[in-house]
């Protein structure tokens, strides 16, 4: 069996426990250079279908880039001839991968984790998975999706559990720091949030290692005081989490799962996503959600999150996912244009 994966960096980690346990040939439609580095040891072939988006404060021709990336995805799938495409996440890789697969008649299984803010093209997947019974029911009732299966957890947690992490002391020596707070920027922030966030970090009086993630470093550095060091490019984020005294982040499900499994005392910035599955998970495992201005009052009184829920369900979720792939019967779009419209409307609240 040959399986194609369309992945951005954080969702790509969801596939690694599956790849390690399932006897199949895997090809990767990589969305970003970090994905290529992460999945190269596990894949037979890697095709680049575009780069992860970064906010630089300027409007760009997104439509032109999407069309170009879809053409690349079509070419990759046509050449590799997979039996099925697996997608995960709510970024452009899912949209481009599903469009390309539909054009070529390749069935799609999508692993949904964002729930409230999925990519609209999952309406044309053949099968969708959810991490819980409640989320399965939410996808069905709110987006009128059919053929949604509950896998009962997050495979990404098993990836985080089995990571080989860099020695924390080596990271601290590299930056000549006895201790530091890791700050991760991501999709819960807008460009205008960066200056007040930097001012808040400066006032903490702590050493800060900052991972720009979705933001262009050029947008960040002009605001940076001496106590903040901006990390370059693709970094081993879990190792930095493990070496930190605490983490402040504005990212989604992937960082939340890793913080939970690794037991990193953390604060998730509330951002503009009032309802999000990563917010639900934070509340479940004990990561506080805070506005930027409220972070100084709680940063020094954090407890490690509870990893029990994530770790107790991860192995079973991978087994369930493997069973679904082994018994997969493509039946066409599980929602079609009605679901597409409902998801599109829901996504408008997240812009």
Protein backbone atom coordinates (compact mmCIF):
# COMPACT_ATOMS: atom_id res chain seq x y z
CA UNK A 1 0.00 0.00 0.00
CA UNK A 2 1.28 3.46 -0.86
CA UNK A 3 0.12 6.38 1.27
CA UNK A 4 0.63 10.07 0.55
CA UNK A 5 0.73 12.67 3.32
CA UNK A 6 0.07 16.39 2.93
CA UNK A 7 1.44 18.15 5.95
CA UNK A 8 2.53 21.40 7.52
CA UNK A 9 5.05 21.15 10.37
CA UNK A 10 2.94 20.63 13.51
CA UNK A 11 0.32 18.31 11.92
CA UNK A 12 3.13 16.32 10.26
CA UNK A 13 4.12 15.06 13.71
CA UNK A 14 0.71 13.38 14.00
CA UNK A 15 1.69 11.00 11.20
CA UNK A 16 5.00 9.76 12.65
CA UNK A 17 3.51 7.23 15.15
CA UNK A 18 1.34 5.93 12.29
CA UNK A 19 4.31 5.60 9.92
CA UNK A 20 6.35 3.78 12.58
CA UNK A 21 3.61 1.20 13.21
CA UNK A 22 2.04 0.71 9.78
CA UNK A 23 3.68 -1.37 7.07
CA UNK A 24 3.22 0.79 3.98
CA UNK A 25 5.19 3.01 1.60
CA UNK A 26 4.87 6.69 2.45
CA UNK A 27 5.35 9.72 0.22
CA UNK A 28 5.18 13.27 1.56
CA UNK A 29 3.72 16.42 0.03
CA UNK A 30 5.71 18.81 2.20
CA UNK A 31 4.42 22.26 3.08
CA UNK A 32 7.54 24.02 4.37
CA UNK A 33 11.18 23.07 4.77
CA UNK A 34 10.70 22.01 8.38
CA UNK A 35 8.37 19.25 7.20
CA UNK A 36 10.97 17.94 4.80
CA UNK A 37 13.57 17.71 7.59
CA UNK A 38 11.10 16.09 9.97
CA UNK A 39 9.67 13.43 7.65
CA UNK A 40 12.64 12.63 5.41
CA UNK A 41 13.74 9.64 7.57
CA UNK A 42 10.26 8.12 7.29
CA UNK A 43 9.38 8.67 3.64
CA UNK A 44 10.13 7.04 0.33
CA UNK A 45 9.74 10.28 -1.61
CA UNK A 46 9.27 13.95 -0.69
CA UNK A 47 7.64 16.54 -2.94
CA UNK A 48 7.57 20.23 -2.03
CA UNK A 49 4.15 21.81 -2.61
CA UNK A 50 4.84 25.22 -1.08
CA UNK A 51 6.03 27.08 1.98
CA UNK A 52 4.32 27.74 5.31
CA UNK A 53 2.80 31.20 5.49
CA UNK A 54 4.54 33.92 7.46
CA UNK A 55 3.10 37.26 8.36
CA UNK A 56 5.31 40.17 7.29
CA UNK A 57 2.72 42.88 7.56
CA UNK A 58 2.22 43.13 3.78
CA UNK A 59 -0.57 41.93 1.50
CA UNK A 60 0.51 39.27 -0.99
CA UNK A 61 -1.13 37.49 -3.88
CA UNK A 62 -2.35 34.45 -1.98
CA UNK A 63 -4.58 33.18 -4.80
CA UNK A 64 -1.67 33.02 -7.25
CA UNK A 65 0.45 31.10 -4.77
CA UNK A 66 -2.36 28.65 -3.97
CA UNK A 67 -2.95 27.86 -7.64
CA UNK A 68 0.75 27.32 -8.20
CA UNK A 69 0.97 25.01 -5.18
CA UNK A 70 -2.09 23.03 -6.31
CA UNK A 71 -0.38 22.41 -9.65
CA UNK A 72 2.67 21.14 -7.77
CA UNK A 73 0.49 18.89 -5.62
CA UNK A 74 -1.24 17.47 -8.69
CA UNK A 75 2.14 16.74 -10.25
CA UNK A 76 3.39 15.05 -7.09
CA UNK A 77 0.33 12.82 -6.74
CA UNK A 78 0.27 11.99 -10.44
CA UNK A 79 3.91 10.88 -10.28
CA UNK A 80 3.76 8.99 -6.98
CA UNK A 81 0.36 7.28 -7.59
CA UNK A 82 -0.69 6.72 -3.95
CA UNK A 83 -3.67 4.59 -2.93
CA UNK A 84 -4.84 7.22 -0.44
CA UNK A 85 -3.99 10.74 0.73
CA UNK A 86 -3.86 11.53 4.45
CA UNK A 87 -4.19 15.13 5.61
CA UNK A 88 -4.18 16.82 9.02
CA UNK A 89 -4.40 20.41 10.22
CA UNK A 90 -6.22 23.51 9.01
CA UNK A 91 -3.62 25.21 6.80
CA UNK A 92 -2.99 25.43 3.08
CA UNK A 93 -1.41 22.00 2.73
CA UNK A 94 -4.80 20.38 3.45
CA UNK A 95 -6.63 22.57 0.94
CA UNK A 96 -4.06 22.00 -1.81
CA UNK A 97 -3.72 18.29 -1.13
CA UNK A 98 -7.45 17.58 -1.15
CA UNK A 99 -8.05 19.63 -4.31
CA UNK A 100 -5.24 17.80 -6.09
CA UNK A 101 -6.46 14.39 -4.90
CA UNK A 102 -10.03 15.11 -6.03
CA UNK A 103 -8.80 16.17 -9.48
CA UNK A 104 -6.98 12.85 -9.79
CA UNK A 105 -9.62 10.61 -8.19
CA UNK A 106 -7.46 9.70 -5.18
CA UNK A 107 -9.42 9.04 -1.95
CA UNK A 108 -8.74 11.21 1.11
CA UNK A 109 -8.75 10.54 4.86
CA UNK A 110 -8.49 13.69 6.96
CA UNK A 111 -7.46 13.78 10.64
CA UNK A 112 -9.32 16.73 12.17
CA UNK A 113 -8.03 18.36 15.35
CA UNK A 114 -8.99 22.03 15.04
CA UNK A 115 -12.75 21.25 15.10
CA UNK A 116 -14.08 24.83 15.35
CA UNK A 117 -11.84 26.12 12.57
CA UNK A 118 -11.25 23.31 10.05
CA UNK A 119 -10.18 24.00 6.49
CA UNK A 120 -13.25 24.16 4.25
CA UNK A 121 -11.95 21.51 1.82
CA UNK A 122 -12.37 18.68 4.35
CA UNK A 123 -15.97 18.67 3.10
CA UNK A 124 -14.59 16.76 0.09
CA UNK A 125 -12.60 14.16 2.04
CA UNK A 126 -13.98 10.60 1.98
CA UNK A 127 -13.53 10.08 5.73
CA UNK A 128 -12.76 12.36 8.68
CA UNK A 129 -11.51 11.43 12.13
CA UNK A 130 -12.09 13.32 15.38
CA UNK A 131 -10.23 12.95 18.70
CA UNK A 132 -13.36 12.42 20.83
CA UNK A 133 -17.04 11.46 20.70
CA UNK A 134 -18.03 15.05 21.52
CA UNK A 135 -15.94 16.45 18.67
CA UNK A 136 -17.32 13.85 16.26
CA UNK A 137 -20.83 15.00 17.13
CA UNK A 138 -19.82 18.65 16.78
CA UNK A 139 -18.44 18.09 13.25
CA UNK A 140 -21.57 16.21 12.24
CA UNK A 141 -24.13 18.61 13.71
CA UNK A 142 -22.45 21.93 12.89
CA UNK A 143 -20.97 21.14 9.47
CA UNK A 144 -23.34 18.33 8.34
CA UNK A 145 -20.40 16.03 7.71
CA UNK A 146 -21.01 12.31 7.25
CA UNK A 147 -18.56 9.48 7.88
CA UNK A 148 -16.78 11.01 10.86
CA UNK A 149 -14.96 8.48 13.06
CA UNK A 150 -13.84 8.98 16.66
CA UNK A 151 -10.25 7.78 17.20
CA UNK A 152 -10.34 8.71 20.88
CA UNK A 153 -7.18 10.81 21.23
CA UNK A 154 -4.22 12.53 19.62
CA UNK A 155 -1.51 10.46 17.85
CA UNK A 156 0.78 13.51 18.14
CA UNK A 157 1.01 12.82 21.89
CA UNK A 158 2.71 9.47 21.20
CA UNK A 159 5.23 11.26 18.98
CA UNK A 160 5.98 13.73 21.80
CA UNK A 161 6.31 10.92 24.36
CA UNK A 162 8.92 9.09 22.27
CA UNK A 163 11.03 12.12 21.34
CA UNK A 164 14.78 12.10 21.84
CA UNK A 165 15.38 15.52 23.33
CA UNK A 166 18.58 17.53 23.37
CA UNK A 167 20.26 17.86 26.75
CA UNK A 168 18.75 21.00 28.39
CA UNK A 169 22.15 22.03 29.68
CA UNK A 170 23.55 22.08 26.13
CA UNK A 171 20.81 24.49 25.04
CA UNK A 172 21.40 26.78 28.02
CA UNK A 173 25.17 26.80 27.38
CA UNK A 174 24.62 27.61 23.71
CA UNK A 175 22.85 30.83 24.64
CA UNK A 176 24.92 31.43 27.80
CA UNK A 177 21.80 31.33 29.99
CA UNK A 178 21.20 29.75 33.38
CA UNK A 179 17.45 29.74 32.66
CA UNK A 180 15.01 31.22 30.15
CA UNK A 181 11.36 31.56 29.21
CA UNK A 182 10.48 30.25 25.76
CA UNK A 183 8.01 32.35 23.77
CA UNK A 184 6.39 30.88 20.64
CA UNK A 185 4.48 33.05 18.18
CA UNK A 186 1.74 31.55 16.03
CA UNK A 187 -1.70 31.72 14.52
CA UNK A 188 -3.46 33.17 17.56
CA UNK A 189 -1.67 36.49 17.08
CA UNK A 190 -2.03 39.26 14.54
CA UNK A 191 0.75 41.57 13.38
CA UNK A 192 -0.46 44.40 15.60
CA UNK A 193 -0.13 42.15 18.67
CA UNK A 194 3.65 41.89 18.34
CA UNK A 195 4.74 45.29 19.80
CA UNK A 196 2.66 44.99 23.00
CA UNK A 197 3.81 41.38 23.43
CA UNK A 198 7.46 42.40 23.12
CA UNK A 199 6.96 45.24 25.62
CA UNK A 200 5.40 42.79 28.06
CA UNK A 201 8.29 40.32 27.64
CA UNK A 202 10.81 43.09 28.26
CA UNK A 203 9.07 44.07 31.51
CA UNK A 204 9.28 40.50 32.81
CA UNK A 205 13.00 41.02 33.40
CA UNK A 206 13.67 37.44 32.31
CA UNK A 207 15.86 35.96 29.61
CA UNK A 208 13.60 35.16 26.65
CA UNK A 209 14.16 32.84 23.70
CA UNK A 210 11.59 33.73 21.06
CA UNK A 211 10.53 31.43 18.20
CA UNK A 212 8.87 33.57 15.47
CA UNK A 213 7.07 30.55 13.96
CA UNK A 214 4.52 32.16 11.57
CA UNK A 215 6.01 35.65 11.70
CA UNK A 216 8.83 37.03 9.56
CA UNK A 217 11.90 37.69 11.72
CA UNK A 218 12.31 41.11 10.07
CA UNK A 219 9.00 42.12 11.59
CA UNK A 220 10.19 41.05 15.03
CA UNK A 221 13.78 42.25 15.39
CA UNK A 222 13.04 45.98 15.22
CA UNK A 223 11.15 45.67 18.50
CA UNK A 224 13.66 43.46 20.33
CA UNK A 225 15.33 44.57 23.60
CA UNK A 226 18.53 43.00 24.93
CA UNK A 227 16.89 40.32 27.08
CA UNK A 228 15.18 38.67 24.07
CA UNK A 229 16.97 36.40 21.61
CA UNK A 230 15.13 35.54 18.39
CA UNK A 231 15.68 31.95 17.25
CA UNK A 232 16.62 31.31 13.65
CA UNK A 233 14.57 29.19 11.23
CA UNK A 234 13.49 25.62 12.00
CA UNK A 235 14.40 24.66 15.58
CA UNK A 236 13.85 21.57 17.71
CA UNK A 237 11.01 23.25 19.59
CA UNK A 238 10.26 20.38 22.05
CA UNK A 239 13.89 20.40 23.22
CA UNK A 240 13.68 24.14 23.82
CA UNK A 241 10.40 23.62 25.70
CA UNK A 242 12.03 20.95 27.86
CA UNK A 243 15.00 23.23 28.64
CA UNK A 244 12.88 26.27 29.54
CA UNK A 245 11.64 27.27 32.98
CA UNK A 246 8.29 28.15 31.40
CA UNK A 247 6.68 28.78 28.02
CA UNK A 248 4.42 31.54 26.70
CA UNK A 249 2.82 30.66 23.38
CA UNK A 250 0.22 31.80 20.87
CA UNK A 251 0.15 28.64 18.78
CA UNK A 252 -2.44 25.90 18.49
CA UNK A 253 -2.90 22.19 18.96
CA UNK A 254 0.62 20.92 18.23
CA UNK A 255 2.39 23.10 20.79
CA UNK A 256 -0.37 22.46 23.35
CA UNK A 257 -0.02 18.68 22.98
CA UNK A 258 3.77 18.83 23.30
CA UNK A 259 3.62 21.15 26.33
CA UNK A 260 1.16 18.76 27.95
CA UNK A 261 3.15 15.60 27.29
CA UNK A 262 6.47 17.18 28.32
CA UNK A 263 4.95 18.80 31.41
CA UNK A 264 6.14 22.32 30.57
CA UNK A 265 4.63 25.06 32.79
CA UNK A 266 2.95 27.21 30.16
CA UNK A 267 0.61 30.09 29.37
CA UNK A 268 -1.39 30.17 26.16
CA UNK A 269 -2.06 33.70 24.91
CA UNK A 270 -5.80 34.20 24.41
CA UNK A 271 -5.34 35.88 21.02
CA UNK A 272 -8.37 36.33 18.78
CA UNK A 273 -9.51 32.69 18.70
CA UNK A 274 -12.08 32.66 21.49
CA UNK A 275 -13.23 29.13 20.65
CA UNK A 276 -10.60 26.62 19.60
CA UNK A 277 -9.89 22.95 20.28
CA UNK A 278 -6.46 23.86 21.65
CA UNK A 279 -8.20 26.14 24.18
CA UNK A 280 -10.42 23.19 25.19
CA UNK A 281 -7.34 21.02 25.62
CA UNK A 282 -5.55 23.67 27.69
CA UNK A 283 -8.49 23.78 30.08
CA UNK A 284 -8.49 19.98 30.29
CA UNK A 285 -4.78 19.61 31.13
CA UNK A 286 -4.28 22.78 33.19
CA UNK A 287 -2.64 25.38 30.94
CA UNK A 288 -4.03 28.86 31.70
CA UNK A 289 -5.30 31.11 28.91
CA UNK A 290 -4.32 34.77 29.42
CA UNK A 291 -4.42 38.15 27.73
CA UNK A 292 -0.97 39.61 26.99
CA UNK A 293 -1.25 42.24 29.72
CA UNK A 294 -2.16 39.63 32.36
CA UNK A 295 0.84 37.35 31.78
CA UNK A 296 3.22 39.04 34.30
CA UNK A 297 0.78 38.40 37.15
CA UNK A 298 0.71 34.60 36.60
CA UNK A 299 4.00 33.66 34.90
CA UNK A 300 5.82 32.97 38.19
CA UNK A 301 3.03 30.83 39.67
CA UNK A 302 2.59 28.10 37.07
CA UNK A 303 2.23 24.37 37.57
CA UNK A 304 3.17 21.68 35.02
CA UNK A 305 0.17 20.53 32.95
CA UNK A 306 -1.35 17.10 33.50
CA UNK A 307 -0.21 14.68 30.80
CA UNK A 308 -2.40 11.72 31.87
CA UNK A 309 -5.26 12.29 29.42
CA UNK A 310 -2.99 12.76 26.41
CA UNK A 311 -0.74 9.78 27.13
CA UNK A 312 -3.49 7.37 28.17
CA UNK A 313 -5.32 7.78 24.85
CA UNK A 314 -2.48 8.23 22.34
CA UNK A 315 -1.64 4.58 21.67
CA UNK A 316 -5.28 3.65 21.14
CA UNK A 317 -5.82 6.55 18.73
CA UNK A 318 -2.98 5.32 16.52
CA UNK A 319 -4.37 1.76 16.50
CA UNK A 320 -7.81 3.06 15.57
CA UNK A 321 -6.35 5.15 12.76
CA UNK A 322 -4.46 2.17 11.36
CA UNK A 323 -7.64 0.08 11.45
CA UNK A 324 -9.53 2.77 9.52
CA UNK A 325 -6.85 2.87 6.82
CA UNK A 326 -6.70 -0.93 6.52
CA UNK A 327 -10.47 -1.13 6.12
CA UNK A 328 -10.89 2.07 4.13
CA UNK A 329 -13.69 2.14 1.57
CA UNK A 330 -13.86 5.42 -0.38
CA UNK A 331 -17.42 6.67 -0.78
CA UNK A 332 -16.88 10.16 -2.15
CA UNK A 333 -17.15 13.55 -0.41
CA UNK A 334 -18.42 13.28 3.15
CA UNK A 335 -20.07 16.68 3.06
CA UNK A 336 -19.86 18.30 -0.34
CA UNK A 337 -20.79 21.90 -1.05
CA UNK A 338 -23.28 22.23 1.82
CA UNK A 339 -20.58 21.37 4.37
CA UNK A 340 -18.09 23.53 2.48
CA UNK A 341 -20.42 26.52 2.87
CA UNK A 342 -21.01 25.90 6.58
CA UNK A 343 -17.30 25.56 7.33
CA UNK A 344 -16.46 28.64 5.26
CA UNK A 345 -18.97 30.63 7.29
CA UNK A 346 -17.53 29.31 10.56
CA UNK A 347 -13.98 30.13 9.48
CA UNK A 348 -14.91 33.76 8.85
CA UNK A 349 -15.00 34.23 12.65
CA UNK A 350 -11.31 33.30 12.88
CA UNK A 351 -9.98 35.92 10.46
